[in-house]
């Protein structure tokens, strides 16, 4: 039984309610999520300042030992340096910089001497462009006070958090959505499984659920298999032997434009699941925020159904 994909007459009203729900959450909780992240980031920046002698010693050895400090160093310059701008200015290997940024480590196949020469270029550039308006003690004989260090760390932390503001909000919203689903399921007698339980997705006990579970799918060549993460996997209490669990992807968005850019992601995931397991796959969305009729129509055409968070009881329509 379809929940919402076949009811376009309801879409307009649901979109309005979902936008209102997201905006209400954003005004009440997003600032706190951002502040919490900024507090932790400030502490991380202060640790970086200590390791670099408060930006007076941007030593290649330090970056070699702690590659994770590179984003902080990029945000410590005037002007702050985006990843591509740093690569362009220094002429270093894009692979090296992006490996540091994404994986917090150096490319494993890169020759050590090459790594060292690239690091020197980076640290020289950071040292040259360190922001004197933030690190007011640079060039002075007097060491900075604790107040000055904390102030500088807060400014750099604001720059870092500003650059990742959307992921911070999205992660906080996703966590809240999963909590809503968990509460709804547990109120109906469902039991949560964890990764330590090492249960395969299609061997889950009836009446159980799990978050962020890997599901193997075959690629187009029909040979190679990869794991794709599914936000919510639910094995109905009323299931029978051989029944397939129900999949949900938690989605939230703070604007309409972004959702239409991302709508193909779900269609690709659905296609991979169905090509591997057939039409028995139920892949659905749990939505809160800015999802317009264009987005909904696209997903409906792909056979993807959804539950609005403001109407969470629609989960029961899936036999859960």
C-alpha atoms as a PDB file:
ATOM      1  CA  UNK A   1       0.000   0.000   0.000  1.00  0.00           C
ATOM      2  CA  UNK A   2       1.371   3.401  -0.979  1.00  0.00           C
ATOM      3  CA  UNK A   3       1.671   6.021   1.744  1.00  0.00           C
ATOM      4  CA  UNK A   4       2.136   9.329  -0.076  1.00  0.00           C
ATOM      5  CA  UNK A   5       3.577   8.907  -3.554  1.00  0.00           C
ATOM      6  CA  UNK A   6       0.126   8.366  -5.096  1.00  0.00           C
ATOM      7  CA  UNK A   7      -1.600  11.270  -3.297  1.00  0.00           C
ATOM      8  CA  UNK A   8      -0.485  14.440  -5.160  1.00  0.00           C
ATOM      9  CA  UNK A   9      -3.572  16.241  -3.903  1.00  0.00           C
ATOM     10  CA  UNK A  10      -2.016  16.228  -0.410  1.00  0.00           C
ATOM     11  CA  UNK A  11       1.469  17.301  -1.457  1.00  0.00           C
ATOM     12  CA  UNK A  12       0.978  21.075  -1.336  1.00  0.00           C
ATOM     13  CA  UNK A  13      -0.415  21.057   2.214  1.00  0.00           C
ATOM     14  CA  UNK A  14       2.271  18.626   3.407  1.00  0.00           C
ATOM     15  CA  UNK A  15       5.041  20.728   1.874  1.00  0.00           C
ATOM     16  CA  UNK A  16       3.808  23.809   3.759  1.00  0.00           C
ATOM     17  CA  UNK A  17       3.609  21.918   7.060  1.00  0.00           C
ATOM     18  CA  UNK A  18       7.036  20.361   6.545  1.00  0.00           C
ATOM     19  CA  UNK A  19       8.643  23.737   5.810  1.00  0.00           C
ATOM     20  CA  UNK A  20       7.053  25.191   8.953  1.00  0.00           C
ATOM     21  CA  UNK A  21       8.284  22.240  11.030  1.00  0.00           C
ATOM     22  CA  UNK A  22      11.832  22.558   9.735  1.00  0.00           C
ATOM     23  CA  UNK A  23      11.927  26.329  10.302  1.00  0.00           C
ATOM     24  CA  UNK A  24      10.590  25.946  13.831  1.00  0.00           C
ATOM     25  CA  UNK A  25      13.296  23.370  14.616  1.00  0.00           C
ATOM     26  CA  UNK A  26      15.978  25.529  12.990  1.00  0.00           C
ATOM     27  CA  UNK A  27      15.120  28.619  15.061  1.00  0.00           C
ATOM     28  CA  UNK A  28      15.043  26.651  18.326  1.00  0.00           C
ATOM     29  CA  UNK A  29      17.877  24.150  17.967  1.00  0.00           C
ATOM     30  CA  UNK A  30      20.226  25.008  15.098  1.00  0.00           C
ATOM     31  CA  UNK A  31      21.972  27.848  16.976  1.00  0.00           C
ATOM     32  CA  UNK A  32      22.679  25.487  19.883  1.00  0.00           C
ATOM     33  CA  UNK A  33      24.035  22.808  17.545  1.00  0.00           C
ATOM     34  CA  UNK A  34      26.286  25.404  15.945  1.00  0.00           C
ATOM     35  CA  UNK A  35      27.466  26.761  19.316  1.00  0.00           C
ATOM     36  CA  UNK A  36      28.271  23.272  20.598  1.00  0.00           C
ATOM     37  CA  UNK A  37      30.366  22.552  17.518  1.00  0.00           C
ATOM     38  CA  UNK A  38      32.055  25.944  17.744  1.00  0.00           C
ATOM     39  CA  UNK A  39      33.017  25.310  21.380  1.00  0.00           C
ATOM     40  CA  UNK A  40      34.703  22.017  20.503  1.00  0.00           C
ATOM     41  CA  UNK A  41      36.310  23.577  17.439  1.00  0.00           C
ATOM     42  CA  UNK A  42      37.695  26.443  19.544  1.00  0.00           C
ATOM     43  CA  UNK A  43      39.336  23.920  21.852  1.00  0.00           C
ATOM     44  CA  UNK A  44      40.834  22.130  18.838  1.00  0.00           C
ATOM     45  CA  UNK A  45      42.152  25.412  17.447  1.00  0.00           C
ATOM     46  CA  UNK A  46      43.724  26.300  20.803  1.00  0.00           C
ATOM     47  CA  UNK A  47      45.508  22.947  20.739  1.00  0.00           C
ATOM     48  CA  UNK A  48      46.811  23.734  17.252  1.00  0.00           C
ATOM     49  CA  UNK A  49      48.038  27.126  18.420  1.00  0.00           C
ATOM     50  CA  UNK A  50      49.924  25.520  21.277  1.00  0.00           C
ATOM     51  CA  UNK A  51      51.603  23.036  18.921  1.00  0.00           C
ATOM     52  CA  UNK A  52      52.702  25.832  16.586  1.00  0.00           C
ATOM     53  CA  UNK A  53      54.016  28.159  19.258  1.00  0.00           C
ATOM     54  CA  UNK A  54      50.914  30.320  18.774  1.00  0.00           C
ATOM     55  CA  UNK A  55      51.557  30.582  15.030  1.00  0.00           C
ATOM     56  CA  UNK A  56      55.174  31.662  15.526  1.00  0.00           C
ATOM     57  CA  UNK A  57      56.546  28.277  14.473  1.00  0.00           C
ATOM     58  CA  UNK A  58      54.721  26.731  11.508  1.00  0.00           C
ATOM     59  CA  UNK A  59      57.080  23.804  11.402  1.00  0.00           C
ATOM     60  CA  UNK A  60      56.894  21.143   8.634  1.00  0.00           C
ATOM     61  CA  UNK A  61      57.593  18.552  11.324  1.00  0.00           C
ATOM     62  CA  UNK A  62      54.408  19.523  13.152  1.00  0.00           C
ATOM     63  CA  UNK A  63      52.265  19.198  10.028  1.00  0.00           C
ATOM     64  CA  UNK A  64      53.947  15.878   9.306  1.00  0.00           C
ATOM     65  CA  UNK A  65      52.998  14.616  12.776  1.00  0.00           C
ATOM     66  CA  UNK A  66      49.538  16.237  12.855  1.00  0.00           C
ATOM     67  CA  UNK A  67      48.084  16.539   9.343  1.00  0.00           C
ATOM     68  CA  UNK A  68      44.648  17.131  10.854  1.00  0.00           C
ATOM     69  CA  UNK A  69      45.611  20.736  11.703  1.00  0.00           C
ATOM     70  CA  UNK A  70      45.711  21.836   8.050  1.00  0.00           C
ATOM     71  CA  UNK A  71      42.106  23.177   7.971  1.00  0.00           C
ATOM     72  CA  UNK A  72      42.912  25.310  11.022  1.00  0.00           C
ATOM     73  CA  UNK A  73      46.058  26.632   9.360  1.00  0.00           C
ATOM     74  CA  UNK A  74      44.106  27.491   6.192  1.00  0.00           C
ATOM     75  CA  UNK A  75      41.617  29.507   8.231  1.00  0.00           C
ATOM     76  CA  UNK A  76      44.462  31.326  10.024  1.00  0.00           C
ATOM     77  CA  UNK A  77      45.597  33.304   6.988  1.00  0.00           C
ATOM     78  CA  UNK A  78      44.561  36.643   5.499  1.00  0.00           C
ATOM     79  CA  UNK A  79      42.450  35.984   3.546  1.00  0.00           C
ATOM     80  CA  UNK A  80      41.406  32.473   4.626  1.00  0.00           C
ATOM     81  CA  UNK A  81      42.447  29.893   2.034  1.00  0.00           C
ATOM     82  CA  UNK A  82      40.056  27.444   0.430  1.00  0.00           C
ATOM     83  CA  UNK A  83      41.539  24.050  -0.453  1.00  0.00           C
ATOM     84  CA  UNK A  84      41.808  24.830  -4.163  1.00  0.00           C
ATOM     85  CA  UNK A  85      43.337  28.256  -3.484  1.00  0.00           C
ATOM     86  CA  UNK A  86      46.005  26.684  -1.273  1.00  0.00           C
ATOM     87  CA  UNK A  87      46.815  24.185  -4.027  1.00  0.00           C
ATOM     88  CA  UNK A  88      46.991  26.952  -6.615  1.00  0.00           C
ATOM     89  CA  UNK A  89      49.221  29.224  -4.546  1.00  0.00           C
ATOM     90  CA  UNK A  90      51.692  26.562  -3.485  1.00  0.00           C
ATOM     91  CA  UNK A  91      51.666  24.333  -6.547  1.00  0.00           C
ATOM     92  CA  UNK A  92      51.495  21.242  -4.339  1.00  0.00           C
ATOM     93  CA  UNK A  93      49.844  17.987  -5.322  1.00  0.00           C
ATOM     94  CA  UNK A  94      46.017  18.192  -5.173  1.00  0.00           C
ATOM     95  CA  UNK A  95      46.016  14.528  -4.147  1.00  0.00           C
ATOM     96  CA  UNK A  96      48.157  15.295  -1.099  1.00  0.00           C
ATOM     97  CA  UNK A  97      46.087  18.245   0.096  1.00  0.00           C
ATOM     98  CA  UNK A  98      42.744  16.515  -0.421  1.00  0.00           C
ATOM     99  CA  UNK A  99      43.989  13.355   1.300  1.00  0.00           C
ATOM    100  CA  UNK A 100      44.972  15.436   4.320  1.00  0.00           C
ATOM    101  CA  UNK A 101      41.671  17.317   4.337  1.00  0.00           C
ATOM    102  CA  UNK A 102      39.385  14.314   3.863  1.00  0.00           C
ATOM    103  CA  UNK A 103      41.308  11.458   5.492  1.00  0.00           C
ATOM    104  CA  UNK A 104      43.598  13.333   7.920  1.00  0.00           C
ATOM    105  CA  UNK A 105      46.598  11.505   6.509  1.00  0.00           C
ATOM    106  CA  UNK A 106      49.093  11.635   3.669  1.00  0.00           C
ATOM    107  CA  UNK A 107      48.662   9.596   0.470  1.00  0.00           C
ATOM    108  CA  UNK A 108      50.075   6.151   1.346  1.00  0.00           C
ATOM    109  CA  UNK A 109      51.720   5.666  -2.051  1.00  0.00           C
ATOM    110  CA  UNK A 110      53.424   9.045  -2.123  1.00  0.00           C
ATOM    111  CA  UNK A 111      57.199   8.962  -1.664  1.00  0.00           C
ATOM    112  CA  UNK A 112      58.212  10.292   1.754  1.00  0.00           C
ATOM    113  CA  UNK A 113      60.706  12.803   0.375  1.00  0.00           C
ATOM    114  CA  UNK A 114      58.024  14.175  -1.946  1.00  0.00           C
ATOM    115  CA  UNK A 115      55.668  14.550   1.000  1.00  0.00           C
ATOM    116  CA  UNK A 116      58.302  16.478   2.924  1.00  0.00           C
ATOM    117  CA  UNK A 117      59.012  18.885   0.051  1.00  0.00           C
ATOM    118  CA  UNK A 118      55.277  19.530  -0.424  1.00  0.00           C
ATOM    119  CA  UNK A 119      54.774  20.150   3.295  1.00  0.00           C
ATOM    120  CA  UNK A 120      57.519  22.762   3.282  1.00  0.00           C
ATOM    121  CA  UNK A 121      55.706  24.655   0.517  1.00  0.00           C
ATOM    122  CA  UNK A 122      52.469  24.597   2.518  1.00  0.00           C
ATOM    123  CA  UNK A 123      53.973  25.685   5.819  1.00  0.00           C
ATOM    124  CA  UNK A 124      55.985  28.453   4.159  1.00  0.00           C
ATOM    125  CA  UNK A 125      52.802  29.820   2.587  1.00  0.00           C
ATOM    126  CA  UNK A 126      50.854  29.634   5.863  1.00  0.00           C
ATOM    127  CA  UNK A 127      53.674  31.380   7.715  1.00  0.00           C
ATOM    128  CA  UNK A 128      53.811  34.119   5.095  1.00  0.00           C
ATOM    129  CA  UNK A 129      50.046  34.724   5.104  1.00  0.00           C
ATOM    130  CA  UNK A 130      49.269  34.324   8.833  1.00  0.00           C
ATOM    131  CA  UNK A 131      46.653  36.948   9.714  1.00  0.00           C
ATOM    132  CA  UNK A 132      48.283  39.687  11.879  1.00  0.00           C
ATOM    133  CA  UNK A 133      44.868  41.090  12.826  1.00  0.00           C
ATOM    134  CA  UNK A 134      44.002  37.803  14.520  1.00  0.00           C
ATOM    135  CA  UNK A 135      47.430  36.884  15.848  1.00  0.00           C
ATOM    136  CA  UNK A 136      48.263  40.374  17.075  1.00  0.00           C
ATOM    137  CA  UNK A 137      51.421  39.204  18.821  1.00  0.00           C
ATOM    138  CA  UNK A 138      53.214  38.205  15.620  1.00  0.00           C
ATOM    139  CA  UNK A 139      56.315  40.324  15.188  1.00  0.00           C
ATOM    140  CA  UNK A 140      56.248  41.414  18.831  1.00  0.00           C
ATOM    141  CA  UNK A 141      58.661  40.439  21.564  1.00  0.00           C
ATOM    142  CA  UNK A 142      55.966  40.010  24.198  1.00  0.00           C
ATOM    143  CA  UNK A 143      54.236  36.599  24.209  1.00  0.00           C
ATOM    144  CA  UNK A 144      50.426  36.552  23.855  1.00  0.00           C
ATOM    145  CA  UNK A 145      48.170  36.447  26.880  1.00  0.00           C
ATOM    146  CA  UNK A 146      45.685  33.644  27.454  1.00  0.00           C
ATOM    147  CA  UNK A 147      42.873  36.061  26.609  1.00  0.00           C
ATOM    148  CA  UNK A 148      44.507  36.935  23.284  1.00  0.00           C
ATOM    149  CA  UNK A 149      45.048  33.271  22.436  1.00  0.00           C
ATOM    150  CA  UNK A 150      41.431  32.380  23.249  1.00  0.00           C
ATOM    151  CA  UNK A 151      40.139  35.327  21.231  1.00  0.00           C
ATOM    152  CA  UNK A 152      42.226  34.310  18.228  1.00  0.00           C
ATOM    153  CA  UNK A 153      41.093  30.683  18.555  1.00  0.00           C
ATOM    154  CA  UNK A 154      37.441  31.769  18.650  1.00  0.00           C
ATOM    155  CA  UNK A 155      37.836  33.801  15.450  1.00  0.00           C
ATOM    156  CA  UNK A 156      39.483  30.913  13.606  1.00  0.00           C
ATOM    157  CA  UNK A 157      36.851  28.508  14.967  1.00  0.00           C
ATOM    158  CA  UNK A 158      34.114  30.802  13.627  1.00  0.00           C
ATOM    159  CA  UNK A 159      35.768  30.685  10.220  1.00  0.00           C
ATOM    160  CA  UNK A 160      35.963  26.898  10.334  1.00  0.00           C
ATOM    161  CA  UNK A 161      32.369  26.486  11.463  1.00  0.00           C
ATOM    162  CA  UNK A 162      31.166  29.014   8.908  1.00  0.00           C
ATOM    163  CA  UNK A 163      32.738  26.907   6.185  1.00  0.00           C
ATOM    164  CA  UNK A 164      30.907  23.781   7.388  1.00  0.00           C
ATOM    165  CA  UNK A 165      27.714  25.360   8.744  1.00  0.00           C
ATOM    166  CA  UNK A 166      25.379  23.355   6.496  1.00  0.00           C
ATOM    167  CA  UNK A 167      26.865  19.949   7.424  1.00  0.00           C
ATOM    168  CA  UNK A 168      26.661  20.886  11.118  1.00  0.00           C
ATOM    169  CA  UNK A 169      22.954  21.676  10.807  1.00  0.00           C
ATOM    170  CA  UNK A 170      22.259  18.684   8.553  1.00  0.00           C
ATOM    171  CA  UNK A 171      23.940  16.252  10.951  1.00  0.00           C
ATOM    172  CA  UNK A 172      22.017  17.649  13.922  1.00  0.00           C
ATOM    173  CA  UNK A 173      18.745  17.375  12.009  1.00  0.00           C
ATOM    174  CA  UNK A 174      19.466  13.810  10.885  1.00  0.00           C
ATOM    175  CA  UNK A 175      20.239  12.777  14.464  1.00  0.00           C
ATOM    176  CA  UNK A 176      16.924  14.258  15.572  1.00  0.00           C
ATOM    177  CA  UNK A 177      15.039  12.488  12.764  1.00  0.00           C
ATOM    178  CA  UNK A 178      16.512   9.124  13.732  1.00  0.00           C
ATOM    179  CA  UNK A 179      15.525   9.773  17.346  1.00  0.00           C
ATOM    180  CA  UNK A 180      11.935  10.391  16.217  1.00  0.00           C
ATOM    181  CA  UNK A 181      11.878   7.094  14.303  1.00  0.00           C
ATOM    182  CA  UNK A 182      13.470   5.242  17.213  1.00  0.00           C
ATOM    183  CA  UNK A 183      10.909   6.561  19.685  1.00  0.00           C
ATOM    184  CA  UNK A 184       8.034   5.626  17.376  1.00  0.00           C
ATOM    185  CA  UNK A 185       9.338   2.085  16.836  1.00  0.00           C
ATOM    186  CA  UNK A 186      10.218   1.402  20.477  1.00  0.00           C
ATOM    187  CA  UNK A 187       6.776   2.596  21.570  1.00  0.00           C
ATOM    188  CA  UNK A 188       5.429  -0.241  19.409  1.00  0.00           C
ATOM    189  CA  UNK A 189       7.706  -2.914  20.843  1.00  0.00           C
ATOM    190  CA  UNK A 190      10.565  -2.851  18.341  1.00  0.00           C
ATOM    191  CA  UNK A 191      14.133  -3.588  19.454  1.00  0.00           C
ATOM    192  CA  UNK A 192      17.200  -1.768  18.161  1.00  0.00           C
ATOM    193  CA  UNK A 193      20.152  -3.736  16.792  1.00  0.00           C
ATOM    194  CA  UNK A 194      23.677  -2.320  16.849  1.00  0.00           C
ATOM    195  CA  UNK A 195      26.737  -2.906  14.688  1.00  0.00           C
ATOM    196  CA  UNK A 196      28.277  -4.983  17.480  1.00  0.00           C
ATOM    197  CA  UNK A 197      25.408  -7.447  17.060  1.00  0.00           C
ATOM    198  CA  UNK A 198      26.846  -8.305  13.625  1.00  0.00           C
ATOM    199  CA  UNK A 199      23.450  -9.201  12.173  1.00  0.00           C
ATOM    200  CA  UNK A 200      23.114  -9.223   8.382  1.00  0.00           C
ATOM    201  CA  UNK A 201      20.345  -6.967   7.094  1.00  0.00           C
ATOM    202  CA  UNK A 202      18.216  -9.824   5.710  1.00  0.00           C
ATOM    203  CA  UNK A 203      18.694 -11.971   8.811  1.00  0.00           C
ATOM    204  CA  UNK A 204      17.266  -9.452  11.267  1.00  0.00           C
ATOM    205  CA  UNK A 205      14.770 -10.797  13.825  1.00  0.00           C
ATOM    206  CA  UNK A 206      11.144  -9.798  13.336  1.00  0.00           C
ATOM    207  CA  UNK A 207      10.358  -6.625  15.266  1.00  0.00           C
ATOM    208  CA  UNK A 208      13.882  -5.188  15.106  1.00  0.00           C
ATOM    209  CA  UNK A 209      15.485  -2.145  13.502  1.00  0.00           C
ATOM    210  CA  UNK A 210      18.947  -0.731  12.939  1.00  0.00           C
ATOM    211  CA  UNK A 211      20.508   2.582  11.930  1.00  0.00           C
ATOM    212  CA  UNK A 212      23.172   3.178   9.269  1.00  0.00           C
ATOM    213  CA  UNK A 213      23.398  -0.426   8.186  1.00  0.00           C
ATOM    214  CA  UNK A 214      25.489  -1.452   5.181  1.00  0.00           C
ATOM    215  CA  UNK A 215      23.653  -3.304   2.418  1.00  0.00           C
ATOM    216  CA  UNK A 216      25.692  -4.943  -0.377  1.00  0.00           C
ATOM    217  CA  UNK A 217      24.630  -4.193  -3.964  1.00  0.00           C
ATOM    218  CA  UNK A 218      26.018  -5.199  -7.348  1.00  0.00           C
ATOM    219  CA  UNK A 219      27.330  -2.540  -9.694  1.00  0.00           C
ATOM    220  CA  UNK A 220      26.385  -2.259 -13.356  1.00  0.00           C
ATOM    221  CA  UNK A 221      28.901  -4.905 -14.410  1.00  0.00           C
ATOM    222  CA  UNK A 222      26.954  -7.397 -12.306  1.00  0.00           C
ATOM    223  CA  UNK A 223      30.174  -8.698 -10.762  1.00  0.00           C
ATOM    224  CA  UNK A 224      31.631  -6.152  -8.393  1.00  0.00           C
ATOM    225  CA  UNK A 225      29.803  -5.655  -5.092  1.00  0.00           C
ATOM    226  CA  UNK A 226      29.896  -2.571  -2.872  1.00  0.00           C
ATOM    227  CA  UNK A 227      28.190  -1.675   0.395  1.00  0.00           C
ATOM    228  CA  UNK A 228      25.768   1.242   0.481  1.00  0.00           C
ATOM    229  CA  UNK A 229      24.695   2.695   3.846  1.00  0.00           C
ATOM    230  CA  UNK A 230      20.982   2.740   4.669  1.00  0.00           C
ATOM    231  CA  UNK A 231      19.866   5.124   7.420  1.00  0.00           C
ATOM    232  CA  UNK A 232      17.057   2.957   8.808  1.00  0.00           C
ATOM    233  CA  UNK A 233      16.434  -0.762   8.275  1.00  0.00           C
ATOM    234  CA  UNK A 234      13.257  -2.203   9.793  1.00  0.00           C
ATOM    235  CA  UNK A 235      12.148  -5.841   9.962  1.00  0.00           C
ATOM    236  CA  UNK A 236       8.357  -5.758  10.550  1.00  0.00           C
ATOM    237  CA  UNK A 237       6.945  -7.561  13.570  1.00  0.00           C
ATOM    238  CA  UNK A 238       4.317  -9.234  11.401  1.00  0.00           C
ATOM    239  CA  UNK A 239       6.819 -10.513   8.844  1.00  0.00           C
ATOM    240  CA  UNK A 240       6.977 -14.042   7.534  1.00  0.00           C
ATOM    241  CA  UNK A 241      10.028 -16.174   6.648  1.00  0.00           C
ATOM    242  CA  UNK A 242      11.740 -14.753   3.578  1.00  0.00           C
ATOM    243  CA  UNK A 243      10.277 -11.265   4.014  1.00  0.00           C
ATOM    244  CA  UNK A 244      12.591  -8.391   3.109  1.00  0.00           C
ATOM    245  CA  UNK A 245      13.271  -5.553   5.581  1.00  0.00           C
ATOM    246  CA  UNK A 246      11.994  -2.038   4.844  1.00  0.00           C
ATOM    247  CA  UNK A 247      14.531   0.707   4.127  1.00  0.00           C
ATOM    248  CA  UNK A 248      14.233   4.404   4.957  1.00  0.00           C
ATOM    249  CA  UNK A 249      16.542   7.298   4.192  1.00  0.00           C
ATOM    250  CA  UNK A 250      16.286  10.291   6.565  1.00  0.00           C
ATOM    251  CA  UNK A 251      16.296  13.499   4.518  1.00  0.00           C
ATOM    252  CA  UNK A 252      16.082  17.119   5.624  1.00  0.00           C
ATOM    253  CA  UNK A 253      16.681  20.345   3.742  1.00  0.00           C
ATOM    254  CA  UNK A 254      16.670  24.065   4.459  1.00  0.00           C
ATOM    255  CA  UNK A 255      15.946  25.225   0.895  1.00  0.00           C
ATOM    256  CA  UNK A 256      14.207  23.959  -2.224  1.00  0.00           C
ATOM    257  CA  UNK A 257      17.158  24.384  -4.601  1.00  0.00           C
ATOM    258  CA  UNK A 258      19.416  21.989  -2.718  1.00  0.00           C
ATOM    259  CA  UNK A 259      16.892  19.141  -2.672  1.00  0.00           C
ATOM    260  CA  UNK A 260      16.415  19.223  -6.435  1.00  0.00           C
ATOM    261  CA  UNK A 261      20.173  18.961  -6.891  1.00  0.00           C
ATOM    262  CA  UNK A 262      20.274  15.871  -4.668  1.00  0.00           C
ATOM    263  CA  UNK A 263      17.132  14.049  -5.821  1.00  0.00           C
ATOM    264  CA  UNK A 264      18.996  11.705  -8.165  1.00  0.00           C
ATOM    265  CA  UNK A 265      20.947  10.248  -5.238  1.00  0.00           C
ATOM    266  CA  UNK A 266      17.911   8.346  -3.975  1.00  0.00           C
ATOM    267  CA  UNK A 267      16.979   7.176  -7.474  1.00  0.00           C
ATOM    268  CA  UNK A 268      20.470   5.732  -7.991  1.00  0.00           C
ATOM    269  CA  UNK A 269      20.329   3.948  -4.647  1.00  0.00           C
ATOM    270  CA  UNK A 270      16.896   2.523  -5.465  1.00  0.00           C
ATOM    271  CA  UNK A 271      18.108   1.305  -8.875  1.00  0.00           C
ATOM    272  CA  UNK A 272      21.101  -0.439  -7.280  1.00  0.00           C
ATOM    273  CA  UNK A 273      18.938  -2.139  -4.664  1.00  0.00           C
ATOM    274  CA  UNK A 274      16.348  -3.342  -7.163  1.00  0.00           C
ATOM    275  CA  UNK A 275      18.913  -4.580  -9.674  1.00  0.00           C
ATOM    276  CA  UNK A 276      20.417  -6.678  -6.868  1.00  0.00           C
ATOM    277  CA  UNK A 277      17.330  -7.847  -4.950  1.00  0.00           C
ATOM    278  CA  UNK A 278      14.404  -7.325  -7.306  1.00  0.00           C
ATOM    279  CA  UNK A 279      11.063  -5.586  -6.877  1.00  0.00           C
ATOM    280  CA  UNK A 280      10.637  -6.769  -3.287  1.00  0.00           C
ATOM    281  CA  UNK A 281      12.850  -3.869  -2.152  1.00  0.00           C
ATOM    282  CA  UNK A 282      10.988  -1.115  -0.301  1.00  0.00           C
ATOM    283  CA  UNK A 283      13.195   1.971  -0.283  1.00  0.00           C
ATOM    284  CA  UNK A 284      11.477   5.037   1.164  1.00  0.00           C
ATOM    285  CA  UNK A 285      12.228   8.506   2.502  1.00  0.00           C
ATOM    286  CA  UNK A 286      11.611  10.171   5.856  1.00  0.00           C
ATOM    287  CA  UNK A 287      11.258  13.857   5.026  1.00  0.00           C
ATOM    288  CA  UNK A 288      11.395  17.132   6.916  1.00  0.00           C
ATOM    289  CA  UNK A 289      11.908  20.525   5.324  1.00  0.00           C
ATOM    290  CA  UNK A 290      11.932  21.993   1.853  1.00  0.00           C
ATOM    291  CA  UNK A 291      10.827  19.275  -0.579  1.00  0.00           C
ATOM    292  CA  UNK A 292       8.703  20.712  -3.388  1.00  0.00           C
ATOM    293  CA  UNK A 293       6.343  19.053  -5.862  1.00  0.00           C
ATOM    294  CA  UNK A 294       9.117  18.718  -8.440  1.00  0.00           C
ATOM    295  CA  UNK A 295      11.213  16.698  -6.004  1.00  0.00           C
ATOM    296  CA  UNK A 296       8.262  14.576  -4.874  1.00  0.00           C
ATOM    297  CA  UNK A 297       7.125  13.909  -8.436  1.00  0.00           C
ATOM    298  CA  UNK A 298      10.612  12.794  -9.422  1.00  0.00           C
ATOM    299  CA  UNK A 299      10.846  10.352  -6.504  1.00  0.00           C
ATOM    300  CA  UNK A 300       7.306   9.052  -7.071  1.00  0.00           C
ATOM    301  CA  UNK A 301       8.158   8.344 -10.720  1.00  0.00           C
ATOM    302  CA  UNK A 302      11.055   6.221  -9.487  1.00  0.00           C
ATOM    303  CA  UNK A 303       8.719   4.240  -7.233  1.00  0.00           C
ATOM    304  CA  UNK A 304      10.100   5.811  -4.060  1.00  0.00           C
ATOM    305  CA  UNK A 305       7.518   6.499  -1.337  1.00  0.00           C
ATOM    306  CA  UNK A 306       7.944   8.715   1.722  1.00  0.00           C
ATOM    307  CA  UNK A 307       6.757   9.564   5.221  1.00  0.00           C
ATOM    308  CA  UNK A 308       6.578  13.174   6.384  1.00  0.00           C
ATOM    309  CA  UNK A 309       8.015  13.695   9.830  1.00  0.00           C
ATOM    310  CA  UNK A 310       5.030  15.812  10.834  1.00  0.00           C
ATOM    311  CA  UNK A 311       2.917  12.724  10.103  1.00  0.00           C
ATOM    312  CA  UNK A 312       5.206  10.048  11.504  1.00  0.00           C
ATOM    313  CA  UNK A 313       2.298   7.675  12.116  1.00  0.00           C
ATOM    314  CA  UNK A 314       2.274   7.034   8.355  1.00  0.00           C
ATOM    315  CA  UNK A 315       5.039   4.539   9.101  1.00  0.00           C
ATOM    316  CA  UNK A 316       2.246   2.141  10.019  1.00  0.00           C
ATOM    317  CA  UNK A 317       1.092   2.193   6.379  1.00  0.00           C
ATOM    318  CA  UNK A 318       4.169   0.146   5.508  1.00  0.00           C
ATOM    319  CA  UNK A 319       3.059  -2.720   7.738  1.00  0.00           C
ATOM    320  CA  UNK A 320       5.489  -1.742  10.483  1.00  0.00           C
END
